[in-house]
Amino acid sequence: MIKDKIMMKGAINDEEGMKGTIKDEIIMKGEIKDEGETKVMINDEIIIKGEIKDEEKIKETIKNERNDQR
């Protein structure tokens, strides 16, 4: 689903809602509780700041490049 790359610090609780809509790049720092609300708004790039819980699930959706910055 993911086209280019994801740079992550931390983990994600539930990325199921957004993984189908991501077009280009996501840079995540911090905390996400429920991004299901934002999934319709994702087109190019998302910069998320906060605290994240579990990134294990999103690893499955990454196609090309992954940068883990833990």
PDB file of N, CA and C in Angstrom:
ATOM      1  N   MET A   1       0.824  -1.200   0.000  1.00  0.00           N
ATOM      2  CA  MET A   1       0.000   0.000   0.000  1.00  0.00           C
ATOM      3  C   MET A   1       0.868   1.264   0.000  1.00  0.00           C
ATOM      4  N   ILE A   2       1.907   1.220   0.755  1.00  0.00           N
ATOM      5  CA  ILE A   2       2.766   2.387   0.898  1.00  0.00           C
ATOM      6  C   ILE A   2       3.693   2.509  -0.298  1.00  0.00           C
ATOM      7  N   LYS A   3       3.771   3.715  -0.853  1.00  0.00           N
ATOM      8  CA  LYS A   3       4.470   3.892  -2.113  1.00  0.00           C
ATOM      9  C   LYS A   3       5.963   4.118  -1.968  1.00  0.00           C
ATOM     10  N   ASP A   4       6.382   5.041  -1.129  1.00  0.00           N
ATOM     11  CA  ASP A   4       7.791   5.383  -1.077  1.00  0.00           C
ATOM     12  C   ASP A   4       8.504   4.916   0.182  1.00  0.00           C
ATOM     13  N   LYS A   5       8.381   5.670   1.244  1.00  0.00           N
ATOM     14  CA  LYS A   5       9.110   5.268   2.433  1.00  0.00           C
ATOM     15  C   LYS A   5       8.431   5.757   3.697  1.00  0.00           C
ATOM     16  N   ILE A   6       8.800   5.116   4.775  1.00  0.00           N
ATOM     17  CA  ILE A   6       8.302   5.525   6.080  1.00  0.00           C
ATOM     18  C   ILE A   6       9.490   5.677   7.012  1.00  0.00           C
ATOM     19  N   MET A   7       9.556   6.803   7.662  1.00  0.00           N
ATOM     20  CA  MET A   7      10.572   6.992   8.685  1.00  0.00           C
ATOM     21  C   MET A   7       9.866   7.024  10.027  1.00  0.00           C
ATOM     22  N   MET A   8      10.214   6.101  10.892  1.00  0.00           N
ATOM     23  CA  MET A   8       9.462   5.965  12.124  1.00  0.00           C
ATOM     24  C   MET A   8      10.354   6.026  13.349  1.00  0.00           C
ATOM     25  N   LYS A   9       9.835   6.676  14.349  1.00  0.00           N
ATOM     26  CA  LYS A   9      10.395   6.581  15.683  1.00  0.00           C
ATOM     27  C   LYS A   9       9.272   6.117  16.572  1.00  0.00           C
ATOM     28  N   GLY A  10       9.408   4.950  17.157  1.00  0.00           N
ATOM     29  CA  GLY A  10       8.375   4.484  18.040  1.00  0.00           C
ATOM     30  C   GLY A  10       7.558   3.386  17.395  1.00  0.00           C
ATOM     31  N   ALA A  11       6.296   3.361  17.708  1.00  0.00           N
ATOM     32  CA  ALA A  11       5.436   2.316  17.184  1.00  0.00           C
ATOM     33  C   ALA A  11       4.032   2.844  17.011  1.00  0.00           C
ATOM     34  N   ILE A  12       3.214   2.054  16.355  1.00  0.00           N
ATOM     35  CA  ILE A  12       1.855   2.504  16.097  1.00  0.00           C
ATOM     36  C   ILE A  12       0.867   1.526  16.709  1.00  0.00           C
ATOM     37  N   ASN A  13      -0.176   2.080  17.285  1.00  0.00           N
ATOM     38  CA  ASN A  13      -1.192   1.272  17.915  1.00  0.00           C
ATOM     39  C   ASN A  13      -2.066   0.568  16.891  1.00  0.00           C
ATOM     40  N   ASP A  14      -2.560   1.322  15.912  1.00  0.00           N
ATOM     41  CA  ASP A  14      -3.449   0.762  14.908  1.00  0.00           C
ATOM     42  C   ASP A  14      -3.304   1.536  13.617  1.00  0.00           C
ATOM     43  N   GLU A  15      -2.573   0.984  12.645  1.00  0.00           N
ATOM     44  CA  GLU A  15      -2.391   1.676  11.390  1.00  0.00           C
ATOM     45  C   GLU A  15      -3.318   1.143  10.311  1.00  0.00           C
ATOM     46  N   GLU A  16      -4.200   0.235  10.684  1.00  0.00           N
ATOM     47  CA  GLU A  16      -5.059  -0.420   9.710  1.00  0.00           C
ATOM     48  C   GLU A  16      -5.858   0.567   8.880  1.00  0.00           C
ATOM     49  N   GLY A  17      -6.315   1.635   9.516  1.00  0.00           N
ATOM     50  CA  GLY A  17      -7.139   2.607   8.807  1.00  0.00           C
ATOM     51  C   GLY A  17      -6.379   3.391   7.757  1.00  0.00           C
ATOM     52  N   MET A  18      -5.091   3.642   7.980  1.00  0.00           N
ATOM     53  CA  MET A  18      -4.380   4.557   7.109  1.00  0.00           C
ATOM     54  C   MET A  18      -3.519   3.874   6.068  1.00  0.00           C
ATOM     55  N   LYS A  19      -3.192   2.623   6.221  1.00  0.00           N
ATOM     56  CA  LYS A  19      -2.210   1.995   5.346  1.00  0.00           C
ATOM     57  C   LYS A  19      -2.663   1.927   3.891  1.00  0.00           C
ATOM     58  N   GLY A  20      -3.946   1.914   3.659  1.00  0.00           N
ATOM     59  CA  GLY A  20      -4.441   1.827   2.294  1.00  0.00           C
ATOM     60  C   GLY A  20      -4.452   3.151   1.566  1.00  0.00           C
ATOM     61  N   THR A  21      -4.298   4.250   2.292  1.00  0.00           N
ATOM     62  CA  THR A  21      -4.465   5.558   1.682  1.00  0.00           C
ATOM     63  C   THR A  21      -3.169   6.334   1.537  1.00  0.00           C
ATOM     64  N   ILE A  22      -2.086   5.789   2.027  1.00  0.00           N
ATOM     65  CA  ILE A  22      -0.821   6.514   2.035  1.00  0.00           C
ATOM     66  C   ILE A  22      -0.207   6.543   0.639  1.00  0.00           C
ATOM     67  N   LYS A  23       0.122   7.732   0.158  1.00  0.00           N
ATOM     68  CA  LYS A  23       0.625   7.864  -1.201  1.00  0.00           C
ATOM     69  C   LYS A  23       2.133   7.967  -1.286  1.00  0.00           C
ATOM     70  N   ASP A  24       2.732   8.880  -0.554  1.00  0.00           N
ATOM     71  CA  ASP A  24       4.153   9.123  -0.724  1.00  0.00           C
ATOM     72  C   ASP A  24       5.003   8.802   0.503  1.00  0.00           C
ATOM     73  N   GLU A  25       4.950   9.651   1.486  1.00  0.00           N
ATOM     74  CA  GLU A  25       5.892   9.507   2.589  1.00  0.00           C
ATOM     75  C   GLU A  25       5.235   9.842   3.912  1.00  0.00           C
ATOM     76  N   ILE A  26       5.602   9.086   4.921  1.00  0.00           N
ATOM     77  CA  ILE A  26       5.135   9.385   6.266  1.00  0.00           C
ATOM     78  C   ILE A  26       6.342   9.506   7.179  1.00  0.00           C
ATOM     79  N   ILE A  27       6.407  10.588   7.881  1.00  0.00           N
ATOM     80  CA  ILE A  27       7.423  10.730   8.910  1.00  0.00           C
ATOM     81  C   ILE A  27       6.704  10.789  10.248  1.00  0.00           C
ATOM     82  N   MET A  28       6.947   9.799  11.082  1.00  0.00           N
ATOM     83  CA  MET A  28       6.208   9.718  12.323  1.00  0.00           C
ATOM     84  C   MET A  28       7.135   9.869  13.510  1.00  0.00           C
ATOM     85  N   LYS A  29       6.767  10.770  14.390  1.00  0.00           N
ATOM     86  CA  LYS A  29       7.429  10.888  15.675  1.00  0.00           C
ATOM     87  C   LYS A  29       6.333  10.987  16.701  1.00  0.00           C
ATOM     88  N   GLY A  30       6.239  10.068  17.631  1.00  0.00           N
ATOM     89  CA  GLY A  30       5.431  10.319  18.756  1.00  0.00           C
ATOM     90  C   GLY A  30       4.215   9.457  18.888  1.00  0.00           C
ATOM     91  N   GLU A  31       3.122  10.031  19.220  1.00  0.00           N
ATOM     92  CA  GLU A  31       2.011   9.292  19.779  1.00  0.00           C
ATOM     93  C   GLU A  31       0.793   9.315  18.872  1.00  0.00           C
ATOM     94  N   ILE A  32       0.344   8.131  18.523  1.00  0.00           N
ATOM     95  CA  ILE A  32      -0.896   8.038  17.751  1.00  0.00           C
ATOM     96  C   ILE A  32      -1.818   7.072  18.462  1.00  0.00           C
ATOM     97  N   LYS A  33      -3.016   7.505  18.717  1.00  0.00           N
ATOM     98  CA  LYS A  33      -3.966   6.627  19.381  1.00  0.00           C
ATOM     99  C   LYS A  33      -4.876   5.971  18.359  1.00  0.00           C
ATOM    100  N   ASP A  34      -5.409   6.782  17.443  1.00  0.00           N
ATOM    101  CA  ASP A  34      -6.314   6.273  16.417  1.00  0.00           C
ATOM    102  C   ASP A  34      -6.221   7.168  15.201  1.00  0.00           C
ATOM    103  N   GLU A  35      -5.547   6.692  14.152  1.00  0.00           N
ATOM    104  CA  GLU A  35      -5.407   7.492  12.955  1.00  0.00           C
ATOM    105  C   GLU A  35      -6.465   7.165  11.931  1.00  0.00           C
ATOM    106  N   GLY A  36      -7.435   6.388  12.301  1.00  0.00           N
ATOM    107  CA  GLY A  36      -8.523   6.052  11.393  1.00  0.00           C
ATOM    108  C   GLY A  36      -9.263   7.285  10.908  1.00  0.00           C
ATOM    109  N   GLU A  37      -9.284   8.324  11.728  1.00  0.00           N
ATOM    110  CA  GLU A  37      -9.961   9.559  11.368  1.00  0.00           C
ATOM    111  C   GLU A  37      -9.221  10.307  10.274  1.00  0.00           C
ATOM    112  N   THR A  38      -7.905  10.164  10.237  1.00  0.00           N
ATOM    113  CA  THR A  38      -7.100  10.947   9.311  1.00  0.00           C
ATOM    114  C   THR A  38      -6.897  10.249   7.976  1.00  0.00           C
ATOM    115  N   LYS A  39      -7.344   9.011   7.847  1.00  0.00           N
ATOM    116  CA  LYS A  39      -6.999   8.203   6.682  1.00  0.00           C
ATOM    117  C   LYS A  39      -7.511   8.784   5.370  1.00  0.00           C
ATOM    118  N   VAL A  40      -8.598   9.514   5.404  1.00  0.00           N
ATOM    119  CA  VAL A  40      -9.132  10.082   4.173  1.00  0.00           C
ATOM    120  C   VAL A  40      -8.378  11.331   3.744  1.00  0.00           C
ATOM    121  N   MET A  41      -7.580  11.882   4.647  1.00  0.00           N
ATOM    122  CA  MET A  41      -6.881  13.129   4.370  1.00  0.00           C
ATOM    123  C   MET A  41      -5.474  12.911   3.826  1.00  0.00           C
ATOM    124  N   ILE A  42      -4.992  11.671   3.877  1.00  0.00           N
ATOM    125  CA  ILE A  42      -3.606  11.398   3.501  1.00  0.00           C
ATOM    126  C   ILE A  42      -3.450  11.362   1.988  1.00  0.00           C
ATOM    127  N   ASN A  43      -2.619  12.250   1.449  1.00  0.00           N
ATOM    128  CA  ASN A  43      -2.350  12.236   0.025  1.00  0.00           C
ATOM    129  C   ASN A  43      -0.870  12.201  -0.286  1.00  0.00           C
ATOM    130  N   ASP A  44      -0.099  13.108   0.291  1.00  0.00           N
ATOM    131  CA  ASP A  44       1.311  13.199  -0.037  1.00  0.00           C
ATOM    132  C   ASP A  44       2.218  12.876   1.139  1.00  0.00           C
ATOM    133  N   GLU A  45       2.177  13.703   2.158  1.00  0.00           N
ATOM    134  CA  GLU A  45       3.123  13.535   3.250  1.00  0.00           C
ATOM    135  C   GLU A  45       2.458  13.837   4.574  1.00  0.00           C
ATOM    136  N   ILE A  46       2.763  13.026   5.553  1.00  0.00           N
ATOM    137  CA  ILE A  46       2.248  13.248   6.894  1.00  0.00           C
ATOM    138  C   ILE A  46       3.422  13.340   7.850  1.00  0.00           C
ATOM    139  N   ILE A  47       3.440  14.366   8.627  1.00  0.00           N
ATOM    140  CA  ILE A  47       4.416  14.450   9.699  1.00  0.00           C
ATOM    141  C   ILE A  47       3.652  14.398  11.013  1.00  0.00           C
ATOM    142  N   ILE A  48       3.858  13.346  11.742  1.00  0.00           N
ATOM    143  CA  ILE A  48       3.107  13.137  12.970  1.00  0.00           C
ATOM    144  C   ILE A  48       4.061  13.212  14.154  1.00  0.00           C
ATOM    145  N   LYS A  49       3.703  14.011  15.125  1.00  0.00           N
ATOM    146  CA  LYS A  49       4.552  14.172  16.297  1.00  0.00           C
ATOM    147  C   LYS A  49       3.815  13.680  17.520  1.00  0.00           C
ATOM    148  N   GLY A  50       4.501  12.913  18.356  1.00  0.00           N
ATOM    149  CA  GLY A  50       3.851  12.420  19.547  1.00  0.00           C
ATOM    150  C   GLY A  50       4.516  11.163  20.048  1.00  0.00           C
ATOM    151  N   GLU A  51       3.708  10.241  20.524  1.00  0.00           N
ATOM    152  CA  GLU A  51       4.219   9.028  21.131  1.00  0.00           C
ATOM    153  C   GLU A  51       3.503   7.835  20.534  1.00  0.00           C
ATOM    154  N   ILE A  52       4.258   6.816  20.134  1.00  0.00           N
ATOM    155  CA  ILE A  52       3.662   5.688  19.432  1.00  0.00           C
ATOM    156  C   ILE A  52       3.881   4.401  20.218  1.00  0.00           C
ATOM    157  N   LYS A  53       2.950   3.485  20.107  1.00  0.00           N
ATOM    158  CA  LYS A  53       2.954   2.310  20.968  1.00  0.00           C
ATOM    159  C   LYS A  53       3.510   1.041  20.321  1.00  0.00           C
ATOM    160  N   ASP A  54       3.127   0.736  19.091  1.00  0.00           N
ATOM    161  CA  ASP A  54       3.493  -0.551  18.494  1.00  0.00           C
ATOM    162  C   ASP A  54       3.602  -0.449  16.985  1.00  0.00           C
ATOM    163  N   GLU A  55       4.805  -0.609  16.436  1.00  0.00           N
ATOM    164  CA  GLU A  55       4.993  -0.447  15.003  1.00  0.00           C
ATOM    165  C   GLU A  55       5.069  -1.768  14.261  1.00  0.00           C
ATOM    166  N   GLU A  56       4.906  -2.867  14.976  1.00  0.00           N
ATOM    167  CA  GLU A  56       5.070  -4.188  14.379  1.00  0.00           C
ATOM    168  C   GLU A  56       4.147  -4.412  13.188  1.00  0.00           C
ATOM    169  N   LYS A  57       2.917  -3.936  13.278  1.00  0.00           N
ATOM    170  CA  LYS A  57       1.944  -4.174  12.220  1.00  0.00           C
ATOM    171  C   LYS A  57       2.290  -3.433  10.942  1.00  0.00           C
ATOM    172  N   ILE A  58       2.781  -2.222  11.079  1.00  0.00           N
ATOM    173  CA  ILE A  58       3.018  -1.398   9.893  1.00  0.00           C
ATOM    174  C   ILE A  58       4.213  -1.888   9.094  1.00  0.00           C
ATOM    175  N   LYS A  59       5.077  -2.655   9.724  1.00  0.00           N
ATOM    176  CA  LYS A  59       6.228  -3.207   9.023  1.00  0.00           C
ATOM    177  C   LYS A  59       5.780  -4.069   7.855  1.00  0.00           C
ATOM    178  N   GLU A  60       4.625  -4.701   7.984  1.00  0.00           N
ATOM    179  CA  GLU A  60       4.098  -5.572   6.948  1.00  0.00           C
ATOM    180  C   GLU A  60       3.673  -4.790   5.716  1.00  0.00           C
ATOM    181  N   THR A  61       3.357  -3.515   5.892  1.00  0.00           N
ATOM    182  CA  THR A  61       2.800  -2.736   4.799  1.00  0.00           C
ATOM    183  C   THR A  61       3.849  -1.960   4.022  1.00  0.00           C
ATOM    184  N   ILE A  62       5.061  -1.945   4.524  1.00  0.00           N
ATOM    185  CA  ILE A  62       6.107  -1.155   3.888  1.00  0.00           C
ATOM    186  C   ILE A  62       6.691  -1.907   2.700  1.00  0.00           C
ATOM    187  N   LYS A  63       6.636  -1.270   1.532  1.00  0.00           N
ATOM    188  CA  LYS A  63       7.033  -1.961   0.314  1.00  0.00           C
ATOM    189  C   LYS A  63       8.476  -1.698  -0.095  1.00  0.00           C
ATOM    190  N   ASN A  64       8.882  -0.445  -0.125  1.00  0.00           N
ATOM    191  CA  ASN A  64      10.170  -0.111  -0.721  1.00  0.00           C
ATOM    192  C   ASN A  64      11.284   0.124   0.292  1.00  0.00           C
ATOM    193  N   GLU A  65      11.161   1.200   1.061  1.00  0.00           N
ATOM    194  CA  GLU A  65      12.260   1.584   1.925  1.00  0.00           C
ATOM    195  C   GLU A  65      11.742   1.842   3.321  1.00  0.00           C
ATOM    196  N   ARG A  66      12.505   1.395   4.308  1.00  0.00           N
ATOM    197  CA  ARG A  66      12.105   1.653   5.682  1.00  0.00           C
ATOM    198  C   ARG A  66      13.274   2.196   6.460  1.00  0.00           C
ATOM    199  N   ASN A  67      13.050   3.298   7.129  1.00  0.00           N
ATOM    200  CA  ASN A  67      14.048   3.869   8.018  1.00  0.00           C
ATOM    201  C   ASN A  67      13.525   3.837   9.433  1.00  0.00           C
ATOM    202  N   ASP A  68      14.073   2.960  10.230  1.00  0.00           N
ATOM    203  CA  ASP A  68      13.725   2.957  11.643  1.00  0.00           C
ATOM    204  C   ASP A  68      14.747   3.775  12.389  1.00  0.00           C
ATOM    205  N   GLN A  69      14.286   4.770  13.093  1.00  0.00           N
ATOM    206  CA  GLN A  69      15.201   5.624  13.843  1.00  0.00           C
ATOM    207  C   GLN A  69      14.868   5.514  15.312  1.00  0.00           C
ATOM    208  N   ARG A  70      15.157   4.351  15.872  1.00  0.00           N
ATOM    209  CA  ARG A  70      14.877   4.150  17.281  1.00  0.00           C
ATOM    210  C   ARG A  70      16.084   4.502  18.077  1.00  0.00           C
TER     211      ARG A  70
END
